[in-house]
N, C-alpha and C. Protein backbone atom coordinates (compact mmCIF):
# COMPACT_ATOMS: atom_id res chain seq x y z
N UNK A 1 -16.29 -10.19 16.58
CA UNK A 1 -16.88 -11.51 16.59
C UNK A 1 -15.87 -12.50 15.97
N UNK A 2 -15.77 -13.67 16.52
CA UNK A 2 -14.86 -14.68 16.00
C UNK A 2 -15.65 -15.93 15.63
N UNK A 3 -15.41 -16.43 14.44
CA UNK A 3 -16.11 -17.63 13.94
C UNK A 3 -15.08 -18.74 13.83
N UNK A 4 -15.30 -19.81 14.62
CA UNK A 4 -14.37 -20.94 14.60
C UNK A 4 -14.58 -21.73 13.30
N UNK A 5 -13.52 -21.95 12.61
CA UNK A 5 -13.59 -22.59 11.29
C UNK A 5 -12.80 -23.89 11.16
N UNK A 6 -11.64 -23.96 11.71
CA UNK A 6 -10.81 -25.12 11.45
C UNK A 6 -9.71 -25.28 12.44
N UNK A 7 -8.74 -26.10 12.08
CA UNK A 7 -7.62 -26.33 12.98
C UNK A 7 -6.35 -26.61 12.17
N UNK A 8 -5.24 -26.52 12.87
CA UNK A 8 -3.90 -26.74 12.32
C UNK A 8 -3.58 -28.23 12.44
N UNK A 9 -3.17 -28.83 11.34
CA UNK A 9 -2.78 -30.25 11.35
C UNK A 9 -1.24 -30.42 11.34
N UNK A 10 -0.55 -29.41 10.80
CA UNK A 10 0.92 -29.47 10.75
C UNK A 10 1.50 -28.07 10.62
N UNK A 11 2.68 -27.90 11.24
CA UNK A 11 3.44 -26.66 11.12
C UNK A 11 4.73 -27.07 10.41
N UNK A 12 4.93 -26.55 9.19
CA UNK A 12 5.98 -27.06 8.30
C UNK A 12 7.04 -25.97 7.99
N UNK A 13 8.28 -26.42 7.88
CA UNK A 13 9.41 -25.51 7.65
C UNK A 13 10.41 -26.14 6.67
N UNK A 14 11.09 -25.30 5.92
CA UNK A 14 12.21 -25.74 5.07
C UNK A 14 13.28 -24.68 5.07
N UNK A 15 14.48 -25.09 4.82
CA UNK A 15 15.62 -24.16 4.79
C UNK A 15 15.79 -23.49 3.41
N UNK A 16 15.26 -24.15 2.36
CA UNK A 16 15.38 -23.63 1.01
C UNK A 16 14.01 -23.47 0.38
N UNK A 17 13.87 -22.48 -0.53
CA UNK A 17 12.63 -22.27 -1.24
C UNK A 17 12.47 -23.34 -2.34
N UNK A 18 11.24 -23.67 -2.67
CA UNK A 18 10.95 -24.59 -3.76
C UNK A 18 11.12 -26.04 -3.38
N UNK A 19 11.20 -26.35 -2.10
CA UNK A 19 11.29 -27.75 -1.72
C UNK A 19 10.23 -28.08 -0.68
N UNK A 20 10.04 -29.38 -0.47
CA UNK A 20 9.08 -29.81 0.55
C UNK A 20 9.50 -29.30 1.91
N UNK A 21 8.49 -29.15 2.78
CA UNK A 21 8.79 -28.72 4.15
C UNK A 21 8.54 -29.89 5.10
N UNK A 22 9.18 -29.82 6.27
CA UNK A 22 9.03 -30.86 7.30
C UNK A 22 8.21 -30.33 8.45
N UNK A 23 7.38 -31.23 8.99
CA UNK A 23 6.55 -30.86 10.13
C UNK A 23 7.40 -30.72 11.39
N UNK A 24 7.30 -29.57 12.06
CA UNK A 24 8.04 -29.37 13.31
C UNK A 24 7.10 -29.33 14.52
N UNK A 25 5.81 -29.58 14.31
CA UNK A 25 4.79 -29.65 15.36
C UNK A 25 4.42 -28.29 15.96
N UNK A 26 5.37 -27.39 16.12
CA UNK A 26 5.16 -26.12 16.78
C UNK A 26 6.19 -25.12 16.24
N UNK A 27 5.74 -23.91 15.95
CA UNK A 27 6.66 -22.90 15.42
C UNK A 27 6.34 -21.51 15.91
N UNK A 28 7.34 -20.66 15.86
CA UNK A 28 7.17 -19.26 16.28
C UNK A 28 6.99 -18.42 15.04
N UNK A 29 5.87 -17.75 14.95
CA UNK A 29 5.56 -16.88 13.84
C UNK A 29 5.80 -15.44 14.28
N UNK A 30 6.65 -14.79 13.49
CA UNK A 30 7.13 -13.44 13.86
C UNK A 30 6.36 -12.37 13.07
N UNK A 31 5.97 -11.33 13.76
CA UNK A 31 5.21 -10.23 13.15
C UNK A 31 5.98 -9.67 11.95
N UNK A 32 5.26 -9.51 10.84
CA UNK A 32 5.77 -8.96 9.60
C UNK A 32 6.96 -9.73 9.04
N UNK A 33 7.07 -11.01 9.34
CA UNK A 33 8.20 -11.82 8.86
C UNK A 33 7.74 -13.18 8.37
N UNK A 34 7.10 -13.97 9.27
CA UNK A 34 6.70 -15.33 8.92
C UNK A 34 7.19 -16.31 9.96
N UNK A 35 7.27 -17.56 9.56
CA UNK A 35 7.71 -18.61 10.47
C UNK A 35 9.23 -18.53 10.67
N UNK A 36 9.61 -18.41 11.92
CA UNK A 36 11.04 -18.29 12.26
C UNK A 36 11.86 -19.42 11.63
N UNK A 37 12.96 -19.03 11.00
CA UNK A 37 13.90 -19.94 10.37
C UNK A 37 13.42 -20.62 9.09
N UNK A 38 12.27 -20.21 8.58
CA UNK A 38 11.78 -20.76 7.35
C UNK A 38 12.35 -20.00 6.15
N UNK A 39 12.59 -20.67 5.04
CA UNK A 39 13.17 -20.05 3.86
C UNK A 39 12.32 -18.90 3.32
N UNK A 40 10.99 -18.96 3.54
CA UNK A 40 10.10 -17.96 3.01
C UNK A 40 9.86 -16.77 3.95
N UNK A 41 10.41 -16.83 5.16
CA UNK A 41 10.22 -15.73 6.11
C UNK A 41 10.99 -14.52 5.62
N UNK A 42 10.26 -13.46 5.32
CA UNK A 42 10.90 -12.27 4.78
C UNK A 42 10.01 -11.07 5.08
N UNK A 43 10.62 -10.01 5.54
CA UNK A 43 9.88 -8.80 5.90
C UNK A 43 9.34 -8.10 4.67
N UNK A 44 8.21 -7.46 4.86
CA UNK A 44 7.61 -6.61 3.85
C UNK A 44 7.24 -7.31 2.54
N UNK A 45 6.92 -8.56 2.59
CA UNK A 45 6.36 -9.23 1.43
C UNK A 45 4.97 -9.72 1.77
N UNK A 46 4.17 -10.00 0.77
CA UNK A 46 2.79 -10.41 1.07
C UNK A 46 2.66 -11.91 1.28
N UNK A 47 3.69 -12.67 0.90
CA UNK A 47 3.60 -14.14 1.05
C UNK A 47 4.51 -14.60 2.18
N UNK A 48 4.27 -14.11 3.41
CA UNK A 48 5.10 -14.49 4.57
C UNK A 48 4.79 -15.90 5.07
N UNK A 49 3.52 -16.29 4.98
CA UNK A 49 3.07 -17.59 5.48
C UNK A 49 2.16 -18.22 4.42
N UNK A 50 2.36 -19.51 4.18
CA UNK A 50 1.48 -20.21 3.23
C UNK A 50 0.63 -21.23 3.97
N UNK A 51 -0.59 -21.38 3.49
CA UNK A 51 -1.55 -22.32 4.08
C UNK A 51 -2.15 -23.19 2.98
N UNK A 52 -2.32 -24.46 3.28
CA UNK A 52 -2.95 -25.39 2.36
C UNK A 52 -3.79 -26.35 3.17
N UNK A 53 -5.01 -26.62 2.70
CA UNK A 53 -5.94 -27.50 3.43
C UNK A 53 -5.68 -28.97 3.15
N UNK A 54 -5.91 -29.76 4.18
CA UNK A 54 -5.90 -31.23 4.05
C UNK A 54 -6.83 -31.65 2.92
N UNK A 55 -7.94 -30.98 2.76
CA UNK A 55 -8.91 -31.30 1.75
C UNK A 55 -8.30 -31.17 0.35
N UNK A 56 -7.42 -30.18 0.17
CA UNK A 56 -6.76 -30.01 -1.12
C UNK A 56 -5.74 -31.13 -1.35
N UNK A 57 -5.01 -31.48 -0.29
CA UNK A 57 -4.02 -32.57 -0.39
C UNK A 57 -4.71 -33.88 -0.70
N UNK A 58 -5.92 -34.10 -0.15
CA UNK A 58 -6.66 -35.32 -0.40
C UNK A 58 -7.02 -35.46 -1.89
N UNK A 59 -7.22 -34.34 -2.60
CA UNK A 59 -7.53 -34.38 -4.03
C UNK A 59 -6.35 -34.98 -4.78
N UNK A 60 -5.13 -34.65 -4.37
CA UNK A 60 -3.94 -35.17 -5.02
C UNK A 60 -3.74 -36.65 -4.66
N UNK A 61 -4.04 -36.98 -3.41
CA UNK A 61 -3.96 -38.37 -2.98
C UNK A 61 -4.95 -39.25 -3.80
N UNK A 62 -6.12 -38.68 -4.08
CA UNK A 62 -7.14 -39.40 -4.85
C UNK A 62 -6.66 -39.75 -6.26
N UNK A 63 -5.70 -38.98 -6.75
CA UNK A 63 -5.09 -39.27 -8.06
C UNK A 63 -4.04 -40.37 -7.97
N UNK A 64 -3.84 -40.92 -6.79
CA UNK A 64 -2.92 -42.01 -6.60
C UNK A 64 -1.53 -41.60 -6.19
N UNK A 65 -1.32 -40.29 -5.90
CA UNK A 65 0.00 -39.82 -5.48
C UNK A 65 0.16 -39.88 -3.97
N UNK A 66 1.34 -40.33 -3.54
CA UNK A 66 1.64 -40.45 -2.14
C UNK A 66 2.22 -39.15 -1.63
N UNK A 67 1.37 -38.28 -1.08
CA UNK A 67 1.81 -36.95 -0.59
C UNK A 67 1.47 -36.79 0.86
N UNK A 68 2.24 -35.99 1.51
CA UNK A 68 2.06 -35.75 2.95
C UNK A 68 2.00 -34.26 3.23
N UNK A 69 1.70 -33.91 4.47
CA UNK A 69 1.69 -32.54 4.89
C UNK A 69 3.05 -31.94 4.71
N UNK A 70 3.12 -30.73 4.13
CA UNK A 70 4.38 -30.08 3.90
C UNK A 70 4.98 -30.35 2.52
N UNK A 71 4.45 -31.35 1.82
CA UNK A 71 4.99 -31.70 0.50
C UNK A 71 4.76 -30.58 -0.54
N UNK A 72 3.82 -29.69 -0.29
CA UNK A 72 3.56 -28.61 -1.23
C UNK A 72 4.16 -27.29 -0.72
N UNK A 73 5.07 -27.40 0.22
CA UNK A 73 5.80 -26.27 0.80
C UNK A 73 4.91 -25.30 1.56
N UNK A 74 3.80 -25.81 2.09
CA UNK A 74 2.92 -24.95 2.92
C UNK A 74 3.47 -24.90 4.34
N UNK A 75 3.37 -23.73 4.96
CA UNK A 75 3.79 -23.59 6.35
C UNK A 75 2.75 -24.21 7.31
N UNK A 76 1.50 -24.00 6.99
CA UNK A 76 0.41 -24.52 7.84
C UNK A 76 -0.49 -25.43 7.01
N UNK A 77 -0.62 -26.67 7.45
CA UNK A 77 -1.60 -27.56 6.84
C UNK A 77 -2.84 -27.46 7.73
N UNK A 78 -3.99 -27.21 7.11
CA UNK A 78 -5.19 -26.96 7.87
C UNK A 78 -6.28 -28.00 7.57
N UNK A 79 -7.32 -27.94 8.39
CA UNK A 79 -8.50 -28.82 8.16
C UNK A 79 -9.72 -28.02 8.56
N UNK A 80 -10.80 -28.18 7.76
CA UNK A 80 -12.09 -27.62 8.12
C UNK A 80 -12.35 -26.18 7.74
N UNK A 81 -11.45 -25.58 6.93
CA UNK A 81 -11.65 -24.21 6.52
C UNK A 81 -11.40 -24.15 5.00
N UNK A 82 -12.33 -23.55 4.27
CA UNK A 82 -12.23 -23.43 2.80
C UNK A 82 -11.32 -22.28 2.47
N UNK A 83 -10.03 -22.54 2.46
CA UNK A 83 -9.07 -21.48 2.28
C UNK A 83 -9.22 -20.66 0.99
N UNK A 84 -9.36 -21.28 -0.18
CA UNK A 84 -9.41 -20.50 -1.40
C UNK A 84 -10.64 -19.56 -1.50
N UNK A 85 -11.66 -19.82 -0.67
CA UNK A 85 -12.85 -18.96 -0.71
C UNK A 85 -12.72 -17.74 0.16
N UNK A 86 -11.67 -17.63 0.95
CA UNK A 86 -11.50 -16.48 1.81
C UNK A 86 -11.08 -15.25 1.02
N UNK A 87 -11.77 -14.14 1.22
CA UNK A 87 -11.35 -12.92 0.48
C UNK A 87 -10.02 -12.39 1.01
N UNK A 88 -9.27 -11.74 0.11
CA UNK A 88 -8.05 -11.07 0.54
C UNK A 88 -8.43 -10.05 1.61
N UNK A 89 -7.66 -9.95 2.66
CA UNK A 89 -7.92 -9.06 3.75
C UNK A 89 -8.60 -9.77 4.95
N UNK A 90 -9.06 -11.02 4.76
CA UNK A 90 -9.61 -11.79 5.85
C UNK A 90 -8.55 -11.97 6.92
N UNK A 91 -8.96 -11.77 8.17
CA UNK A 91 -8.02 -11.97 9.27
C UNK A 91 -8.35 -13.30 9.97
N UNK A 92 -7.27 -14.07 10.20
CA UNK A 92 -7.39 -15.36 10.83
C UNK A 92 -6.65 -15.34 12.16
N UNK A 93 -7.35 -15.73 13.23
CA UNK A 93 -6.70 -15.90 14.52
C UNK A 93 -6.33 -17.35 14.63
N UNK A 94 -5.04 -17.60 14.81
CA UNK A 94 -4.55 -18.99 14.85
C UNK A 94 -3.92 -19.17 16.25
N UNK A 95 -4.41 -20.21 16.95
CA UNK A 95 -3.92 -20.44 18.30
C UNK A 95 -4.37 -19.34 19.22
N UNK A 96 -3.51 -19.04 20.21
CA UNK A 96 -3.85 -18.06 21.22
C UNK A 96 -3.56 -16.61 20.83
N UNK A 97 -2.51 -16.38 20.04
CA UNK A 97 -2.04 -15.03 19.82
C UNK A 97 -1.88 -14.60 18.36
N UNK A 98 -1.62 -15.55 17.47
CA UNK A 98 -1.22 -15.18 16.10
C UNK A 98 -2.42 -14.65 15.32
N UNK A 99 -2.18 -13.54 14.62
CA UNK A 99 -3.16 -12.95 13.74
C UNK A 99 -2.56 -12.84 12.37
N UNK A 100 -3.20 -13.54 11.39
CA UNK A 100 -2.74 -13.52 10.02
C UNK A 100 -3.77 -12.75 9.18
N UNK A 101 -3.30 -12.13 8.11
CA UNK A 101 -4.18 -11.49 7.18
C UNK A 101 -3.95 -12.07 5.79
N UNK A 102 -5.03 -12.63 5.19
CA UNK A 102 -4.91 -13.23 3.87
C UNK A 102 -4.47 -12.15 2.89
N UNK A 103 -3.37 -12.43 2.17
CA UNK A 103 -2.79 -11.45 1.25
C UNK A 103 -2.82 -11.89 -0.18
N UNK A 104 -2.97 -13.20 -0.44
CA UNK A 104 -3.00 -13.69 -1.82
C UNK A 104 -3.66 -15.06 -1.86
N UNK A 105 -4.49 -15.28 -2.89
CA UNK A 105 -5.10 -16.59 -3.08
C UNK A 105 -4.42 -17.24 -4.29
N UNK A 106 -3.84 -18.40 -4.04
CA UNK A 106 -3.12 -19.08 -5.12
C UNK A 106 -1.87 -18.32 -5.56
N UNK A 107 -1.23 -18.80 -6.58
CA UNK A 107 -0.06 -18.14 -7.12
C UNK A 107 0.18 -18.61 -8.55
N UNK A 108 0.98 -17.82 -9.25
CA UNK A 108 1.37 -18.23 -10.58
C UNK A 108 2.71 -18.91 -10.50
N UNK A 109 2.80 -20.11 -11.09
CA UNK A 109 4.07 -20.81 -11.16
C UNK A 109 4.64 -20.58 -12.53
N UNK A 110 5.71 -19.80 -12.59
CA UNK A 110 6.33 -19.52 -13.87
C UNK A 110 7.18 -20.70 -14.36
N UNK A 111 7.72 -21.42 -13.44
CA UNK A 111 8.51 -22.62 -13.75
C UNK A 111 8.04 -23.75 -12.86
N UNK A 112 8.19 -24.95 -13.36
CA UNK A 112 7.85 -26.12 -12.53
C UNK A 112 8.90 -26.24 -11.42
N UNK A 113 8.45 -26.35 -10.19
CA UNK A 113 9.37 -26.44 -9.07
C UNK A 113 9.70 -27.90 -8.78
N UNK A 114 10.60 -28.11 -7.83
CA UNK A 114 10.97 -29.44 -7.40
C UNK A 114 9.76 -30.24 -6.91
N UNK A 115 8.83 -29.53 -6.29
CA UNK A 115 7.63 -30.20 -5.76
C UNK A 115 6.85 -30.82 -6.90
N UNK A 116 6.64 -30.08 -7.99
CA UNK A 116 5.90 -30.60 -9.13
C UNK A 116 6.58 -31.85 -9.67
N UNK A 117 7.91 -31.80 -9.84
CA UNK A 117 8.62 -32.92 -10.42
C UNK A 117 8.67 -34.13 -9.49
N UNK A 118 8.69 -33.88 -8.19
CA UNK A 118 8.73 -34.97 -7.22
C UNK A 118 7.37 -35.58 -7.04
N UNK A 119 6.33 -34.75 -6.90
CA UNK A 119 5.00 -35.23 -6.61
C UNK A 119 4.16 -35.52 -7.86
N UNK A 120 4.42 -34.79 -8.94
CA UNK A 120 3.68 -35.03 -10.17
C UNK A 120 2.57 -34.03 -10.43
N UNK A 121 2.27 -33.23 -9.43
CA UNK A 121 1.24 -32.18 -9.53
C UNK A 121 1.46 -31.26 -8.36
N UNK A 122 1.01 -30.04 -8.48
CA UNK A 122 1.11 -29.11 -7.35
C UNK A 122 -0.22 -28.39 -7.20
N UNK A 123 -0.85 -28.59 -6.07
CA UNK A 123 -2.15 -28.01 -5.79
C UNK A 123 -2.01 -26.60 -5.20
N UNK A 124 -0.82 -26.28 -4.74
CA UNK A 124 -0.61 -24.99 -4.08
C UNK A 124 -0.99 -23.79 -4.96
N UNK A 125 -0.59 -23.77 -6.23
CA UNK A 125 -0.99 -22.60 -7.05
C UNK A 125 -2.48 -22.42 -7.22
N UNK A 126 -3.23 -23.51 -7.10
CA UNK A 126 -4.70 -23.45 -7.30
C UNK A 126 -5.47 -23.21 -6.01
N UNK A 127 -5.00 -23.82 -4.91
CA UNK A 127 -5.82 -23.82 -3.69
C UNK A 127 -5.11 -23.36 -2.45
N UNK A 128 -3.85 -23.04 -2.53
CA UNK A 128 -3.14 -22.53 -1.37
C UNK A 128 -3.39 -21.04 -1.21
N UNK A 129 -3.20 -20.55 -0.03
CA UNK A 129 -3.32 -19.12 0.22
C UNK A 129 -2.06 -18.64 0.95
N UNK A 130 -1.91 -17.34 0.92
CA UNK A 130 -0.76 -16.71 1.59
C UNK A 130 -1.26 -15.62 2.51
N UNK A 131 -0.48 -15.34 3.55
CA UNK A 131 -0.87 -14.38 4.55
C UNK A 131 0.32 -13.64 5.10
N UNK A 132 0.05 -12.47 5.65
CA UNK A 132 1.04 -11.66 6.38
C UNK A 132 0.77 -11.90 7.86
N UNK A 133 1.81 -11.81 8.66
CA UNK A 133 1.68 -11.96 10.11
C UNK A 133 1.51 -10.57 10.72
N UNK A 134 0.30 -10.32 11.26
CA UNK A 134 -0.01 -9.05 11.89
C UNK A 134 0.37 -9.06 13.39
N UNK A 135 0.20 -10.21 14.02
CA UNK A 135 0.58 -10.36 15.42
C UNK A 135 1.23 -11.75 15.55
N UNK A 136 2.40 -11.77 16.12
CA UNK A 136 3.18 -13.02 16.20
C UNK A 136 2.87 -13.86 17.43
N UNK A 137 3.44 -15.04 17.43
CA UNK A 137 3.28 -15.97 18.54
C UNK A 137 3.49 -17.38 18.07
N UNK A 138 3.18 -18.30 18.96
CA UNK A 138 3.41 -19.73 18.71
C UNK A 138 2.17 -20.35 18.07
N UNK A 139 2.39 -21.21 17.08
CA UNK A 139 1.31 -22.01 16.51
C UNK A 139 1.76 -23.48 16.59
N UNK A 140 0.81 -24.31 17.03
CA UNK A 140 1.12 -25.73 17.19
C UNK A 140 -0.01 -26.57 16.62
N UNK A 141 0.27 -27.84 16.41
CA UNK A 141 -0.72 -28.77 15.93
C UNK A 141 -1.96 -28.74 16.84
N UNK A 142 -3.10 -28.80 16.23
CA UNK A 142 -4.44 -28.79 16.86
C UNK A 142 -4.90 -27.42 17.31
N UNK A 143 -4.09 -26.37 17.08
CA UNK A 143 -4.57 -25.02 17.37
C UNK A 143 -5.75 -24.71 16.47
N UNK A 144 -6.70 -23.93 16.98
CA UNK A 144 -7.86 -23.56 16.21
C UNK A 144 -7.49 -22.42 15.23
N UNK A 145 -8.23 -22.37 14.14
CA UNK A 145 -8.14 -21.28 13.17
C UNK A 145 -9.51 -20.64 13.10
N UNK A 146 -9.58 -19.39 13.46
CA UNK A 146 -10.84 -18.69 13.54
C UNK A 146 -10.82 -17.47 12.63
N UNK A 147 -11.95 -17.18 12.03
CA UNK A 147 -12.04 -15.95 11.25
C UNK A 147 -12.43 -14.82 12.22
N UNK A 148 -11.59 -13.79 12.27
CA UNK A 148 -11.86 -12.64 13.11
C UNK A 148 -12.56 -11.60 12.27
N UNK A 149 -13.78 -11.23 12.67
CA UNK A 149 -14.55 -10.26 11.90
C UNK A 149 -14.63 -8.96 12.61
């Protein structure tokens, strides 16, 4: 059974870790690796893909900070799905082919990253999630995100 939950608002990439990502509109997600050419794409790690909701970004905007999709180094900016409430192991079907498995909720920031110093706050450690790519394929803006049960 598949439950439609949300959609993709941006597909973001960066060449270096710890910096803002830029929206590329469409990206190729590789099985057991992550987003092709992204600094965080790495085999056999649990944080291959990062997701952050527009709703989380809006909380930072409400504090008066001018932030955009990708500013928190998320690969996928989403809408309509409560990401931090998803249990580890939840499988998400994104677009036509991609299957992600939630592998971590939030993260510990041992040091303040460039994002924190540039933006003034970072919501990613509190509300972002991470996933492994179980089945690869293309993800583009407006693709649906469904919970596969």
